[in-house]
Amino acid sequence: GSTVRVALVQPGDIEDSVARQAAGEALTEDLRGRRLDLVVW
């Protein structure tokens, strides 16, 4: 069948929720140009 490119974002053990979300956003931002079909946090 077809293939989908999936990115699994693993920022690490970050206790503060605001910093945690910011880390996820920063890692995802770096994925521009990777021709992804789905990003999973």
Full PDB file with SEQRES, HELIX, SHEET, SSBOND, CRYST1, ORIGX, SCALE, CONECT and MASTER records, all heavy atoms in Angstrom:
SEQRES   1 A   41  GLY SER THR VAL ARG VAL ALA LEU VAL GLN PRO GLY ASP          
SEQRES   2 A   41  ILE GLU ASP SER VAL ALA ARG GLN ALA ALA GLY GLU ALA          
SEQRES   3 A   41  LEU THR GLU ASP LEU ARG GLY ARG ARG LEU ASP LEU VAL          
SEQRES   4 A   41  VAL TRP                                                      
HELIX    1 AA1 SER A   17  GLU A   29  1                                  13    
SHEET    1 AA1 2 VAL A   6  LEU A   8  0                                        
SHEET    2 AA1 2 LEU A  38  VAL A  40  1                                        
CRYST1    1.000    1.000    1.000  90.00  90.00  90.00 P 1           1          
ORIGX1      1.000000  0.000000  0.000000        0.00000                         
ORIGX2      0.000000  1.000000  0.000000        0.00000                         
ORIGX3      0.000000  0.000000  1.000000        0.00000                         
SCALE1      1.000000  0.000000  0.000000        0.00000                         
SCALE2      0.000000  1.000000  0.000000        0.00000                         
SCALE3      0.000000  0.000000  1.000000        0.00000                         
ATOM      1  N   GLY A   1       0.831  -1.200   0.000  1.00  0.00           N  
ATOM      2  CA  GLY A   1       0.000   0.000   0.000  1.00  0.00           C  
ATOM      3  C   GLY A   1       0.860   1.242   0.000  1.00  0.00           C  
ATOM      4  O   GLY A   1       2.084   1.180  -0.108  1.00  0.00           O  
ATOM      5  N   SER A   2       0.220   2.358   0.132  1.00  0.00           N  
ATOM      6  CA  SER A   2       0.952   3.621   0.174  1.00  0.00           C  
ATOM      7  C   SER A   2       1.705   3.732   1.496  1.00  0.00           C  
ATOM      8  O   SER A   2       1.463   2.984   2.441  1.00  0.00           O  
ATOM      9  CB  SER A   2      -0.021   4.784   0.021  1.00  0.00           C  
ATOM     10  OG  SER A   2      -0.990   4.761   1.056  1.00  0.00           O  
ATOM     11  N   THR A   3       2.606   4.672   1.543  1.00  0.00           N  
ATOM     12  CA  THR A   3       3.428   4.911   2.734  1.00  0.00           C  
ATOM     13  C   THR A   3       3.206   6.338   3.219  1.00  0.00           C  
ATOM     14  O   THR A   3       3.125   7.264   2.416  1.00  0.00           O  
ATOM     15  CB  THR A   3       4.914   4.692   2.425  1.00  0.00           C  
ATOM     16  OG1 THR A   3       5.116   3.332   2.022  1.00  0.00           O  
ATOM     17  CG2 THR A   3       5.777   4.961   3.651  1.00  0.00           C  
ATOM     18  N   VAL A   4       3.088   6.500   4.524  1.00  0.00           N  
ATOM     19  CA  VAL A   4       2.965   7.834   5.105  1.00  0.00           C  
ATOM     20  C   VAL A   4       4.190   8.113   5.967  1.00  0.00           C  
ATOM     21  O   VAL A   4       4.718   7.212   6.620  1.00  0.00           O  
ATOM     22  CB  VAL A   4       1.676   7.974   5.945  1.00  0.00           C  
ATOM     23  CG1 VAL A   4       0.447   7.886   5.070  1.00  0.00           C  
ATOM     24  CG2 VAL A   4       1.606   6.920   7.047  1.00  0.00           C  
ATOM     25  N   ARG A   5       4.617   9.345   5.929  1.00  0.00           N  
ATOM     26  CA  ARG A   5       5.771   9.744   6.746  1.00  0.00           C  
ATOM     27  C   ARG A   5       5.245  10.414   8.007  1.00  0.00           C  
ATOM     28  O   ARG A   5       4.544  11.425   7.958  1.00  0.00           O  
ATOM     29  CB  ARG A   5       6.676  10.690   5.972  1.00  0.00           C  
ATOM     30  CG  ARG A   5       7.854  11.211   6.783  1.00  0.00           C  
ATOM     31  CD  ARG A   5       8.926  11.797   5.898  1.00  0.00           C  
ATOM     32  NE  ARG A   5       9.628  10.733   5.157  1.00  0.00           N  
ATOM     33  CZ  ARG A   5      10.672  10.964   4.360  1.00  0.00           C  
ATOM     34  NH1 ARG A   5      11.124  12.203   4.195  1.00  0.00           N  
ATOM     35  NH2 ARG A   5      11.251   9.965   3.739  1.00  0.00           N  
ATOM     36  N   VAL A   6       5.597   9.805   9.158  1.00  0.00           N  
ATOM     37  CA  VAL A   6       5.083  10.255  10.449  1.00  0.00           C  
ATOM     38  C   VAL A   6       6.252  10.699  11.332  1.00  0.00           C  
ATOM     39  O   VAL A   6       7.276  10.008  11.416  1.00  0.00           O  
ATOM     40  CB  VAL A   6       4.300   9.128  11.148  1.00  0.00           C  
ATOM     41  CG1 VAL A   6       3.708   9.619  12.466  1.00  0.00           C  
ATOM     42  CG2 VAL A   6       3.195   8.594  10.235  1.00  0.00           C  
ATOM     43  N   ALA A   7       6.084  11.843  11.972  1.00  0.00           N  
ATOM     44  CA  ALA A   7       7.090  12.348  12.911  1.00  0.00           C  
ATOM     45  C   ALA A   7       6.571  12.203  14.331  1.00  0.00           C  
ATOM     46  O   ALA A   7       5.468  12.660  14.644  1.00  0.00           O  
ATOM     47  CB  ALA A   7       7.406  13.814  12.612  1.00  0.00           C  
ATOM     48  N   LEU A   8       7.342  11.539  15.185  1.00  0.00           N  
ATOM     49  CA  LEU A   8       6.990  11.339  16.593  1.00  0.00           C  
ATOM     50  C   LEU A   8       7.852  12.275  17.430  1.00  0.00           C  
ATOM     51  O   LEU A   8       9.077  12.137  17.471  1.00  0.00           O  
ATOM     52  CB  LEU A   8       7.220   9.877  16.984  1.00  0.00           C  
ATOM     53  CG  LEU A   8       6.609   8.827  16.040  1.00  0.00           C  
ATOM     54  CD1 LEU A   8       6.933   7.419  16.523  1.00  0.00           C  
ATOM     55  CD2 LEU A   8       5.110   9.026  15.917  1.00  0.00           C  
ATOM     56  N   VAL A   9       7.212  13.244  18.079  1.00  0.00           N  
ATOM     57  CA  VAL A   9       7.922  14.316  18.774  1.00  0.00           C  
ATOM     58  C   VAL A   9       8.093  13.951  20.249  1.00  0.00           C  
ATOM     59  O   VAL A   9       7.118  13.769  20.976  1.00  0.00           O  
ATOM     60  CB  VAL A   9       7.161  15.651  18.640  1.00  0.00           C  
ATOM     61  CG1 VAL A   9       7.865  16.753  19.418  1.00  0.00           C  
ATOM     62  CG2 VAL A   9       7.023  16.034  17.171  1.00  0.00           C  
ATOM     63  N   GLN A  10       9.337  13.844  20.691  1.00  0.00           N  
ATOM     64  CA  GLN A  10       9.668  13.418  22.048  1.00  0.00           C  
ATOM     65  C   GLN A  10      10.568  14.468  22.707  1.00  0.00           C  
ATOM     66  O   GLN A  10      11.782  14.373  22.664  1.00  0.00           O  
ATOM     67  CB  GLN A  10      10.367  12.050  21.985  1.00  0.00           C  
ATOM     68  CG  GLN A  10      10.709  11.436  23.336  1.00  0.00           C  
ATOM     69  CD  GLN A  10      11.304  10.044  23.176  1.00  0.00           C  
ATOM     70  OE1 GLN A  10      10.682   9.158  22.611  1.00  0.00           O  
ATOM     71  NE2 GLN A  10      12.517   9.837  23.672  1.00  0.00           N  
ATOM     72  N   PRO A  11       9.969  15.474  23.357  1.00  0.00           N  
ATOM     73  CA  PRO A  11      10.776  16.568  23.911  1.00  0.00           C  
ATOM     74  C   PRO A  11      11.564  16.184  25.159  1.00  0.00           C  
ATOM     75  O   PRO A  11      12.501  16.894  25.534  1.00  0.00           O  
ATOM     76  CB  PRO A  11       9.737  17.643  24.222  1.00  0.00           C  
ATOM     77  CG  PRO A  11       8.463  16.902  24.428  1.00  0.00           C  
ATOM     78  CD  PRO A  11       8.521  15.729  23.491  1.00  0.00           C  
ATOM     79  N   GLY A  12      11.164  15.119  25.852  1.00  0.00           N  
ATOM     80  CA  GLY A  12      11.879  14.719  27.058  1.00  0.00           C  
ATOM     81  C   GLY A  12      11.086  15.014  28.322  1.00  0.00           C  
ATOM     82  O   GLY A  12       9.921  15.422  28.273  1.00  0.00           O  
ATOM     83  N   ASP A  13      11.715  14.788  29.451  1.00  0.00           N  
ATOM     84  CA  ASP A  13      11.065  14.945  30.751  1.00  0.00           C  
ATOM     85  C   ASP A  13      11.086  16.417  31.157  1.00  0.00           C  
ATOM     86  O   ASP A  13      12.058  16.899  31.738  1.00  0.00           O  
ATOM     87  CB  ASP A  13      11.789  14.079  31.789  1.00  0.00           C  
ATOM     88  CG  ASP A  13      11.105  14.099  33.139  1.00  0.00           C  
ATOM     89  OD1 ASP A  13       9.971  14.617  33.230  1.00  0.00           O  
ATOM     90  OD2 ASP A  13      11.699  13.582  34.118  1.00  0.00           O  
ATOM     91  N   ILE A  14      10.005  17.126  30.845  1.00  0.00           N  
ATOM     92  CA  ILE A  14       9.878  18.550  31.167  1.00  0.00           C  
ATOM     93  C   ILE A  14       8.643  18.716  32.033  1.00  0.00           C  
ATOM     94  O   ILE A  14       7.520  18.475  31.585  1.00  0.00           O  
ATOM     95  CB  ILE A  14       9.748  19.403  29.885  1.00  0.00           C  
ATOM     96  CG1 ILE A  14      10.960  19.162  28.967  1.00  0.00           C  
ATOM     97  CG2 ILE A  14       9.627  20.879  30.232  1.00  0.00           C  
ATOM     98  CD1 ILE A  14      10.855  19.837  27.620  1.00  0.00           C  
ATOM     99  N   GLU A  15       8.817  19.138  33.264  1.00  0.00           N  
ATOM    100  CA  GLU A  15       7.708  19.173  34.218  1.00  0.00           C  
ATOM    101  C   GLU A  15       6.735  20.313  33.946  1.00  0.00           C  
ATOM    102  O   GLU A  15       5.515  20.139  34.010  1.00  0.00           O  
ATOM    103  CB  GLU A  15       8.257  19.279  35.643  1.00  0.00           C  
ATOM    104  CG  GLU A  15       7.175  19.204  36.712  1.00  0.00           C  
ATOM    105  CD  GLU A  15       7.758  19.153  38.110  1.00  0.00           C  
ATOM    106  OE1 GLU A  15       8.988  19.009  38.241  1.00  0.00           O  
ATOM    107  OE2 GLU A  15       6.979  19.253  39.076  1.00  0.00           O  
ATOM    108  N   ASP A  16       7.245  21.499  33.619  1.00  0.00           N  
ATOM    109  CA  ASP A  16       6.385  22.655  33.404  1.00  0.00           C  
ATOM    110  C   ASP A  16       5.621  22.514  32.090  1.00  0.00           C  
ATOM    111  O   ASP A  16       6.224  22.292  31.025  1.00  0.00           O  
ATOM    112  CB  ASP A  16       7.228  23.933  33.386  1.00  0.00           C  
ATOM    113  CG  ASP A  16       6.373  25.171  33.168  1.00  0.00           C  
ATOM    114  OD1 ASP A  16       5.646  25.553  34.096  1.00  0.00           O  
ATOM    115  OD2 ASP A  16       6.440  25.736  32.053  1.00  0.00           O  
ATOM    116  N   SER A  17       4.299  22.648  32.132  1.00  0.00           N  
ATOM    117  CA  SER A  17       3.475  22.424  30.938  1.00  0.00           C  
ATOM    118  C   SER A  17       3.734  23.455  29.849  1.00  0.00           C  
ATOM    119  O   SER A  17       3.687  23.134  28.654  1.00  0.00           O  
ATOM    120  CB  SER A  17       1.990  22.422  31.317  1.00  0.00           C  
ATOM    121  OG  SER A  17       1.593  23.675  31.852  1.00  0.00           O  
ATOM    122  N   VAL A  18       3.999  24.694  30.230  1.00  0.00           N  
ATOM    123  CA  VAL A  18       4.268  25.734  29.238  1.00  0.00           C  
ATOM    124  C   VAL A  18       5.577  25.451  28.508  1.00  0.00           C  
ATOM    125  O   VAL A  18       5.660  25.514  27.270  1.00  0.00           O  
ATOM    126  CB  VAL A  18       4.314  27.125  29.901  1.00  0.00           C  
ATOM    127  CG1 VAL A  18       4.711  28.186  28.886  1.00  0.00           C  
ATOM    128  CG2 VAL A  18       2.960  27.460  30.525  1.00  0.00           C  
ATOM    129  N   ALA A  19       6.612  25.116  29.273  1.00  0.00           N  
ATOM    130  CA  ALA A  19       7.908  24.790  28.667  1.00  0.00           C  
ATOM    131  C   ALA A  19       7.813  23.519  27.830  1.00  0.00           C  
ATOM    132  O   ALA A  19       8.459  23.401  26.779  1.00  0.00           O  
ATOM    133  CB  ALA A  19       8.957  24.627  29.764  1.00  0.00           C  
ATOM    134  N   ARG A  20       6.995  22.577  28.291  1.00  0.00           N  
ATOM    135  CA  ARG A  20       6.814  21.320  27.570  1.00  0.00           C  
ATOM    136  C   ARG A  20       6.210  21.568  26.184  1.00  0.00           C  
ATOM    137  O   ARG A  20       6.678  21.056  25.175  1.00  0.00           O  
ATOM    138  CB  ARG A  20       5.916  20.400  28.382  1.00  0.00           C  
ATOM    139  CG  ARG A  20       5.787  18.979  27.855  1.00  0.00           C  
ATOM    140  CD  ARG A  20       4.704  18.251  28.633  1.00  0.00           C  
ATOM    141  NE  ARG A  20       4.895  18.410  30.071  1.00  0.00           N  
ATOM    142  CZ  ARG A  20       3.902  18.548  30.938  1.00  0.00           C  
ATOM    143  NH1 ARG A  20       2.650  18.580  30.526  1.00  0.00           N  
ATOM    144  NH2 ARG A  20       4.155  18.673  32.233  1.00  0.00           N  
ATOM    145  N   GLN A  21       5.146  22.390  26.154  1.00  0.00           N  
ATOM    146  CA  GLN A  21       4.500  22.691  24.884  1.00  0.00           C  
ATOM    147  C   GLN A  21       5.430  23.489  23.976  1.00  0.00           C  
ATOM    148  O   GLN A  21       5.485  23.246  22.762  1.00  0.00           O  
ATOM    149  CB  GLN A  21       3.205  23.467  25.109  1.00  0.00           C  
ATOM    150  CG  GLN A  21       2.456  23.787  23.823  1.00  0.00           C  
ATOM    151  CD  GLN A  21       1.088  24.406  24.073  1.00  0.00           C  
ATOM    152  OE1 GLN A  21       0.526  24.253  25.153  1.00  0.00           O  
ATOM    153  NE2 GLN A  21       0.557  25.090  23.073  1.00  0.00           N  
ATOM    154  N   ALA A  22       6.177  24.410  24.552  1.00  0.00           N  
ATOM    155  CA  ALA A  22       7.113  25.206  23.769  1.00  0.00           C  
ATOM    156  C   ALA A  22       8.184  24.312  23.133  1.00  0.00           C  
ATOM    157  O   ALA A  22       8.577  24.513  21.968  1.00  0.00           O  
ATOM    158  CB  ALA A  22       7.766  26.273  24.640  1.00  0.00           C  
ATOM    159  N   ALA A  23       8.644  23.318  23.891  1.00  0.00           N  
ATOM    160  CA  ALA A  23       9.645  22.391  23.354  1.00  0.00           C  
ATOM    161  C   ALA A  23       9.065  21.587  22.197  1.00  0.00           C  
ATOM    162  O   ALA A  23       9.738  21.368  21.170  1.00  0.00           O  
ATOM    163  CB  ALA A  23      10.144  21.463  24.454  1.00  0.00           C  
ATOM    164  N   GLY A  24       7.803  21.141  22.350  1.00  0.00           N  
ATOM    165  CA  GLY A  24       7.156  20.408  21.269  1.00  0.00           C  
ATOM    166  C   GLY A  24       6.993  21.256  20.024  1.00  0.00           C  
ATOM    167  O   GLY A  24       7.205  20.786  18.896  1.00  0.00           O  
ATOM    168  N   GLU A  25       6.636  22.519  20.203  1.00  0.00           N  
ATOM    169  CA  GLU A  25       6.473  23.420  19.064  1.00  0.00           C  
ATOM    170  C   GLU A  25       7.814  23.666  18.365  1.00  0.00           C  
ATOM    171  O   GLU A  25       7.886  23.687  17.127  1.00  0.00           O  
ATOM    172  CB  GLU A  25       5.870  24.746  19.526  1.00  0.00           C  
ATOM    173  CG  GLU A  25       4.419  24.629  19.990  1.00  0.00           C  
ATOM    174  CD  GLU A  25       3.865  25.949  20.506  1.00  0.00           C  
ATOM    175  OE1 GLU A  25       4.621  26.940  20.510  1.00  0.00           O  
ATOM    176  OE2 GLU A  25       2.691  25.987  20.901  1.00  0.00           O  
ATOM    177  N   ALA A  26       8.869  23.836  19.152  1.00  0.00           N  
ATOM    178  CA  ALA A  26      10.184  24.109  18.564  1.00  0.00           C  
ATOM    179  C   ALA A  26      10.683  22.905  17.757  1.00  0.00           C  
ATOM    180  O   ALA A  26      11.214  23.068  16.648  1.00  0.00           O  
ATOM    181  CB  ALA A  26      11.188  24.457  19.666  1.00  0.00           C  
ATOM    182  N   LEU A  27      10.510  21.714  18.302  1.00  0.00           N  
ATOM    183  CA  LEU A  27      10.932  20.511  17.582  1.00  0.00           C  
ATOM    184  C   LEU A  27      10.123  20.315  16.307  1.00  0.00           C  
ATOM    185  O   LEU A  27      10.648  19.901  15.273  1.00  0.00           O  
ATOM    186  CB  LEU A  27      10.788  19.279  18.487  1.00  0.00           C  
ATOM    187  CG  LEU A  27      11.775  19.166  19.643  1.00  0.00           C  
ATOM    188  CD1 LEU A  27      11.369  18.031  20.578  1.00  0.00           C  
ATOM    189  CD2 LEU A  27      13.189  18.926  19.112  1.00  0.00           C  
ATOM    190  N   THR A  28       8.837  20.641  16.375  1.00  0.00           N  
ATOM    191  CA  THR A  28       7.974  20.500  15.194  1.00  0.00           C  
ATOM    192  C   THR A  28       8.335  21.541  14.141  1.00  0.00           C  
ATOM    193  O   THR A  28       8.335  21.247  12.936  1.00  0.00           O  
ATOM    194  CB  THR A  28       6.493  20.635  15.598  1.00  0.00           C  
ATOM    195  OG1 THR A  28       6.194  19.665  16.610  1.00  0.00           O  
ATOM    196  CG2 THR A  28       5.583  20.408  14.404  1.00  0.00           C  
ATOM    197  N   GLU A  29       8.641  22.741  14.579  1.00  0.00           N  
ATOM    198  CA  GLU A  29       9.022  23.812  13.646  1.00  0.00           C  
ATOM    199  C   GLU A  29      10.230  23.398  12.812  1.00  0.00           C  
ATOM    200  O   GLU A  29      10.335  23.742  11.613  1.00  0.00           O  
ATOM    201  CB  GLU A  29       9.337  25.084  14.430  1.00  0.00           C  
ATOM    202  CG  GLU A  29       9.408  26.346  13.589  1.00  0.00           C  
ATOM    203  CD  GLU A  29       8.030  26.875  13.189  1.00  0.00           C  
ATOM    204  OE1 GLU A  29       7.168  27.056  14.075  1.00  0.00           O  
ATOM    205  OE2 GLU A  29       7.832  27.093  11.975  1.00  0.00           O  
ATOM    206  N   ASP A  30      11.126  22.657  13.414  1.00  0.00           N  
ATOM    207  CA  ASP A  30      12.337  22.222  12.706  1.00  0.00           C  
ATOM    208  C   ASP A  30      12.058  21.170  11.638  1.00  0.00           C  
ATOM    209  O   ASP A  30      12.968  20.790  10.893  1.00  0.00           O  
ATOM    210  CB  ASP A  30      13.356  21.652  13.704  1.00  0.00           C  
ATOM    211  CG  ASP A  30      13.953  22.732  14.599  1.00  0.00           C  
ATOM    212  OD1 ASP A  30      13.892  23.918  14.208  1.00  0.00           O  
ATOM    213  OD2 ASP A  30      14.463  22.390  15.679  1.00  0.00           O  
ATOM    214  N   LEU A  31      10.816  20.693  11.552  1.00  0.00           N  
ATOM    215  CA  LEU A  31      10.470  19.649  10.590  1.00  0.00           C  
ATOM    216  C   LEU A  31      10.041  20.202   9.242  1.00  0.00           C  
ATOM    217  O   LEU A  31       9.688  19.441   8.337  1.00  0.00           O  
ATOM    218  CB  LEU A  31       9.338  18.772  11.155  1.00  0.00           C  
ATOM    219  CG  LEU A  31       9.687  17.946  12.399  1.00  0.00           C  
ATOM    220  CD1 LEU A  31       8.426  17.299  12.968  1.00  0.00           C  
ATOM    221  CD2 LEU A  31      10.730  16.881  12.066  1.00  0.00           C  
ATOM    222  N   ARG A  32      10.034  21.511   9.089  1.00  0.00           N  
ATOM    223  CA  ARG A  32       9.632  22.116   7.819  1.00  0.00           C  
ATOM    224  C   ARG A  32      10.525  21.603   6.682  1.00  0.00           C  
ATOM    225  O   ARG A  32      11.734  21.500   6.825  1.00  0.00           O  
ATOM    226  CB  ARG A  32       9.707  23.633   7.902  1.00  0.00           C  
ATOM    227  CG  ARG A  32       8.589  24.247   8.735  1.00  0.00           C  
ATOM    228  CD  ARG A  32       8.642  25.759   8.721  1.00  0.00           C  
ATOM    229  NE  ARG A  32       9.847  26.269   9.379  1.00  0.00           N  
ATOM    230  CZ  ARG A  32      10.176  27.555   9.429  1.00  0.00           C  
ATOM    231  NH1 ARG A  32       9.404  28.463   8.842  1.00  0.00           N  
ATOM    232  NH2 ARG A  32      11.273  27.937  10.048  1.00  0.00           N  
ATOM    233  N   GLY A  33       9.865  21.245   5.578  1.00  0.00           N  
ATOM    234  CA  GLY A  33      10.600  20.753   4.418  1.00  0.00           C  
ATOM    235  C   GLY A  33      10.837  19.258   4.421  1.00  0.00           C  
ATOM    236  O   GLY A  33      11.458  18.741   3.476  1.00  0.00           O  
ATOM    237  N   ARG A  34      10.346  18.533   5.453  1.00  0.00           N  
ATOM    238  CA  ARG A  34      10.583  17.082   5.532  1.00  0.00           C  
ATOM    239  C   ARG A  34       9.503  16.268   4.807  1.00  0.00           C  
ATOM    240  O   ARG A  34       9.547  15.049   4.820  1.00  0.00           O  
ATOM    241  CB  ARG A  34      10.644  16.651   7.002  1.00  0.00           C  
ATOM    242  CG  ARG A  34      11.768  17.272   7.815  1.00  0.00           C  
ATOM    243  CD  ARG A  34      13.122  16.725   7.419  1.00  0.00           C  
ATOM    244  NE  ARG A  34      13.243  15.320   7.717  1.00  0.00           N  
ATOM    245  CZ  ARG A  34      13.672  14.841   8.891  1.00  0.00           C  
ATOM    246  NH1 ARG A  34      13.994  15.677   9.873  1.00  0.00           N  
ATOM    247  NH2 ARG A  34      13.784  13.543   9.075  1.00  0.00           N  
ATOM    248  N   ARG A  35       8.530  16.936   4.188  1.00  0.00           N  
ATOM    249  CA  ARG A  35       7.463  16.273   3.444  1.00  0.00           C  
ATOM    250  C   ARG A  35       6.724  15.240   4.305  1.00  0.00           C  
ATOM    251  O   ARG A  35       6.593  14.065   3.956  1.00  0.00           O  
ATOM    252  CB  ARG A  35       8.016  15.600   2.190  1.00  0.00           C  
ATOM    253  CG  ARG A  35       8.610  16.590   1.185  1.00  0.00           C  
ATOM    254  CD  ARG A  35       9.108  15.892  -0.060  1.00  0.00           C  
ATOM    255  NE  ARG A  35       9.662  16.854  -1.010  1.00  0.00           N  
ATOM    256  CZ  ARG A  35      10.207  16.522  -2.183  1.00  0.00           C  
ATOM    257  NH1 ARG A  35      10.262  15.248  -2.541  1.00  0.00           N  
ATOM    258  NH2 ARG A  35      10.675  17.460  -2.974  1.00  0.00           N  
ATOM    259  N   LEU A  36       6.226  15.700   5.416  1.00  0.00           N  
ATOM    260  CA  LEU A  36       5.541  14.836   6.373  1.00  0.00           C  
ATOM    261  C   LEU A  36       4.059  14.734   6.054  1.00  0.00           C  
ATOM    262  O   LEU A  36       3.471  15.620   5.423  1.00  0.00           O  
ATOM    263  CB  LEU A  36       5.722  15.393   7.789  1.00  0.00           C  
ATOM    264  CG  LEU A  36       7.151  15.471   8.317  1.00  0.00           C  
ATOM    265  CD1 LEU A  36       7.183  16.274   9.604  1.00  0.00           C  
ATOM    266  CD2 LEU A  36       7.717  14.075   8.550  1.00  0.00           C  
ATOM    267  N   ASP A  37       3.464  13.641   6.524  1.00  0.00           N  
ATOM    268  CA  ASP A  37       2.022  13.456   6.419  1.00  0.00           C  
ATOM    269  C   ASP A  37       1.323  13.636   7.763  1.00  0.00           C  
ATOM    270  O   ASP A  37       0.130  13.943   7.807  1.00  0.00           O  
ATOM    271  CB  ASP A  37       1.709  12.049   5.886  1.00  0.00           C  
ATOM    272  CG  ASP A  37       2.247  11.844   4.482  1.00  0.00           C  
ATOM    273  OD1 ASP A  37       1.674  12.429   3.550  1.00  0.00           O  
ATOM    274  OD2 ASP A  37       3.243  11.100   4.336  1.00  0.00           O  
ATOM    275  N   LEU A  38       2.067  13.425   8.856  1.00  0.00           N  
ATOM    276  CA  LEU A  38       1.465  13.498  10.182  1.00  0.00           C  
ATOM    277  C   LEU A  38       2.547  13.738  11.224  1.00  0.00           C  
ATOM    278  O   LEU A  38       3.657  13.206  11.115  1.00  0.00           O  
ATOM    279  CB  LEU A  38       0.731  12.185  10.504  1.00  0.00           C  
ATOM    280  CG  LEU A  38      -0.101  12.141  11.784  1.00  0.00           C  
ATOM    281  CD1 LEU A  38      -1.341  13.032  11.654  1.00  0.00           C  
ATOM    282  CD2 LEU A  38      -0.538  10.703  12.084  1.00  0.00           C  
ATOM    283  N   VAL A  39       2.212  14.558  12.228  1.00  0.00           N  
ATOM    284  CA  VAL A  39       3.098  14.795  13.365  1.00  0.00           C  
ATOM    285  C   VAL A  39       2.328  14.414  14.629  1.00  0.00           C  
ATOM    286  O   VAL A  39       1.197  14.865  14.826  1.00  0.00           O  
ATOM    287  CB  VAL A  39       3.543  16.271  13.450  1.00  0.00           C  
ATOM    288  CG1 VAL A  39       4.420  16.490  14.680  1.00  0.00           C  
ATOM    289  CG2 VAL A  39       4.279  16.682  12.182  1.00  0.00           C  
ATOM    290  N   VAL A  40       2.936  13.574  15.476  1.00  0.00           N  
ATOM    291  CA  VAL A  40       2.266  13.098  16.686  1.00  0.00           C  
ATOM    292  C   VAL A  40       3.052  13.527  17.915  1.00  0.00           C  
ATOM    293  O   VAL A  40       4.259  13.247  18.016  1.00  0.00           O  
ATOM    294  CB  VAL A  40       2.113  11.565  16.673  1.00  0.00           C  
ATOM    295  CG1 VAL A  40       1.334  11.099  17.905  1.00  0.00           C  
ATOM    296  CG2 VAL A  40       1.417  11.092  15.396  1.00  0.00           C  
ATOM    297  N   TRP A  41       2.377  14.221  18.815  1.00  0.00           N  
ATOM    298  CA  TRP A  41       2.965  14.585  20.110  1.00  0.00           C  
ATOM    299  C   TRP A  41       2.537  13.568  21.166  1.00  0.00           C  
ATOM    300  O   TRP A  41       1.586  12.815  20.974  1.00  0.00           O  
ATOM    301  CB  TRP A  41       2.501  15.976  20.529  1.00  0.00           C  
ATOM    302  CG  TRP A  41       3.034  17.109  19.691  1.00  0.00           C  
ATOM    303  CD1 TRP A  41       3.712  17.006  18.505  1.00  0.00           C  
ATOM    304  CD2 TRP A  41       2.934  18.502  19.980  1.00  0.00           C  
ATOM    305  NE1 TRP A  41       4.039  18.248  18.036  1.00  0.00           N  
ATOM    306  CE2 TRP A  41       3.570  19.211  18.922  1.00  0.00           C  
ATOM    307  CE3 TRP A  41       2.364  19.232  21.013  1.00  0.00           C  
ATOM    308  CZ2 TRP A  41       3.657  20.592  18.879  1.00  0.00           C  
ATOM    309  CZ3 TRP A  41       2.452  20.632  20.976  1.00  0.00           C  
ATOM    310  CH2 TRP A  41       3.096  21.298  19.929  1.00  0.00           C  
TER     311      TRP A  41                                                      
MASTER        0    0    0    1    2    0    0    6  310    1    0    4          
END                                                                             
